[in-house]
């Protein structure tokens, strides 16, 4: 399945690397995206789905930040307006926010965040 979704394949590789490198830390995916029929989308919105929430969250305060949100993008992918707005809001609330386009970039982001 992930073969047809480059961002998903990247995300899977990044989460696997993270969990091997930092087994005592928490990273999780926020399943906000994807195509949904209108009824399901309305149900999820009522349940708390929020446009623009990044794909991954590292639930560990570091470097005066409350946690790290990471938005996964393909090499040419761009943030949507709701993602840009949410990144600003998260930064204002004391969270780190990064966009990641490769496993190498993910490693650099995570190490920089967790190791100062």
Protein backbone atom coordinates (compact mmCIF):
# COMPACT_ATOMS: atom_id res chain seq x y z
CA UNK A 1 0.00 0.00 0.00
CA UNK A 2 2.69 2.53 0.95
CA UNK A 3 4.34 2.09 -2.46
CA UNK A 4 1.68 4.34 -4.04
CA UNK A 5 2.02 6.98 -1.34
CA UNK A 6 5.55 8.42 -1.17
CA UNK A 7 4.86 10.47 1.97
CA UNK A 8 3.49 7.40 3.73
CA UNK A 9 6.50 5.28 2.73
CA UNK A 10 8.81 8.01 4.03
CA UNK A 11 6.82 8.30 7.24
CA UNK A 12 6.94 4.54 7.88
CA UNK A 13 10.73 4.51 7.43
CA UNK A 14 11.13 7.51 9.72
CA UNK A 15 8.96 6.08 12.49
CA UNK A 16 10.78 2.73 12.30
CA UNK A 17 14.17 4.49 12.57
CA UNK A 18 12.96 6.64 15.48
CA UNK A 19 11.63 3.68 17.46
CA UNK A 20 14.91 1.79 17.02
CA UNK A 21 17.05 4.79 17.98
CA UNK A 22 14.86 6.13 20.81
CA UNK A 23 12.96 3.15 22.27
CA UNK A 24 12.05 5.05 25.44
CA UNK A 25 10.63 8.06 23.60
CA UNK A 26 7.16 8.42 22.13
CA UNK A 27 6.37 9.21 18.51
CA UNK A 28 2.93 8.80 17.01
CA UNK A 29 0.98 9.52 13.87
CA UNK A 30 -2.07 11.76 13.82
CA UNK A 31 -4.35 10.22 11.14
CA UNK A 32 -6.00 13.43 9.97
CA UNK A 33 -5.49 13.17 6.23
CA UNK A 34 -6.81 10.98 3.49
CA UNK A 35 -9.87 10.88 1.31
CA UNK A 36 -13.11 10.29 3.19
CA UNK A 37 -16.73 10.28 2.21
CA UNK A 38 -18.64 13.36 3.45
CA UNK A 39 -20.47 11.48 6.20
CA UNK A 40 -17.27 10.00 7.66
CA UNK A 41 -15.47 13.35 7.36
CA UNK A 42 -18.27 15.09 9.28
CA UNK A 43 -18.17 12.39 11.98
CA UNK A 44 -14.40 12.70 12.37
CA UNK A 45 -14.62 16.50 12.50
CA UNK A 46 -17.15 16.27 15.34
CA UNK A 47 -14.81 13.83 17.09
CA UNK A 48 -11.95 16.34 17.00
CA UNK A 49 -10.17 16.05 13.65
CA UNK A 50 -8.59 19.40 12.90
CA UNK A 51 -7.31 20.58 9.52
CA UNK A 52 -3.60 21.30 9.36
CA UNK A 53 -2.44 19.09 12.25
CA UNK A 54 0.99 17.67 11.36
CA UNK A 55 1.53 13.98 10.65
CA UNK A 56 3.82 13.04 13.53
CA UNK A 57 4.32 14.12 17.12
CA UNK A 58 7.34 13.46 19.34
CA UNK A 59 5.90 13.69 22.85
CA UNK A 60 9.02 14.79 24.66
CA UNK A 61 9.74 18.29 25.91
CA UNK A 62 13.21 19.48 24.91
CA UNK A 63 15.10 22.73 24.46
CA UNK A 64 12.31 24.81 26.02
CA UNK A 65 9.81 23.31 23.58
CA UNK A 66 6.77 21.27 24.66
CA UNK A 67 7.15 18.64 21.92
CA UNK A 68 7.99 18.26 18.24
CA UNK A 69 5.44 18.17 15.42
CA UNK A 70 6.65 16.95 12.02
CA UNK A 71 4.79 17.33 8.73
CA UNK A 72 5.88 14.75 6.15
CA UNK A 73 6.08 15.95 2.55
CA UNK A 74 7.28 14.50 -0.71
CA UNK A 75 10.30 16.31 -2.19
CA UNK A 76 8.05 18.74 -4.11
CA UNK A 77 5.15 18.76 -1.63
CA UNK A 78 4.00 22.09 -0.21
CA UNK A 79 2.21 23.03 2.97
CA UNK A 80 -1.47 23.84 2.61
CA UNK A 81 -2.80 27.10 4.00
CA UNK A 82 -4.30 25.24 6.97
CA UNK A 83 -0.93 23.57 7.64
CA UNK A 84 0.87 26.93 7.52
CA UNK A 85 -1.66 28.43 9.92
CA UNK A 86 -1.40 25.45 12.27
CA UNK A 87 2.41 25.55 12.25
CA UNK A 88 2.27 29.20 13.37
CA UNK A 89 -0.23 28.37 16.10
CA UNK A 90 1.83 25.41 17.36
CA UNK A 91 5.01 27.50 17.45
CA UNK A 92 3.15 30.19 19.42
CA UNK A 93 2.04 27.53 21.92
CA UNK A 94 5.63 26.42 22.55
CA UNK A 95 5.92 23.41 20.25
CA UNK A 96 8.62 22.80 17.68
CA UNK A 97 7.42 22.34 14.09
CA UNK A 98 9.40 20.98 11.15
CA UNK A 99 8.70 19.84 7.60
CA UNK A 100 10.50 16.65 6.56
CA UNK A 101 11.12 15.46 2.98
CA UNK A 102 13.66 12.62 3.43
CA UNK A 103 14.90 10.11 5.98
CA UNK A 104 18.17 12.04 6.21
CA UNK A 105 16.31 15.24 6.98
CA UNK A 106 14.19 13.40 9.58
CA UNK A 107 17.31 12.05 11.32
CA UNK A 108 18.82 15.55 11.37
CA UNK A 109 15.60 17.12 12.73
CA UNK A 110 15.09 14.51 15.45
CA UNK A 111 18.71 14.44 16.58
CA UNK A 112 18.82 18.23 16.64
CA UNK A 113 15.64 18.39 18.69
CA UNK A 114 16.38 15.58 21.17
CA UNK A 115 20.11 16.20 21.54
CA UNK A 116 20.03 19.98 21.59
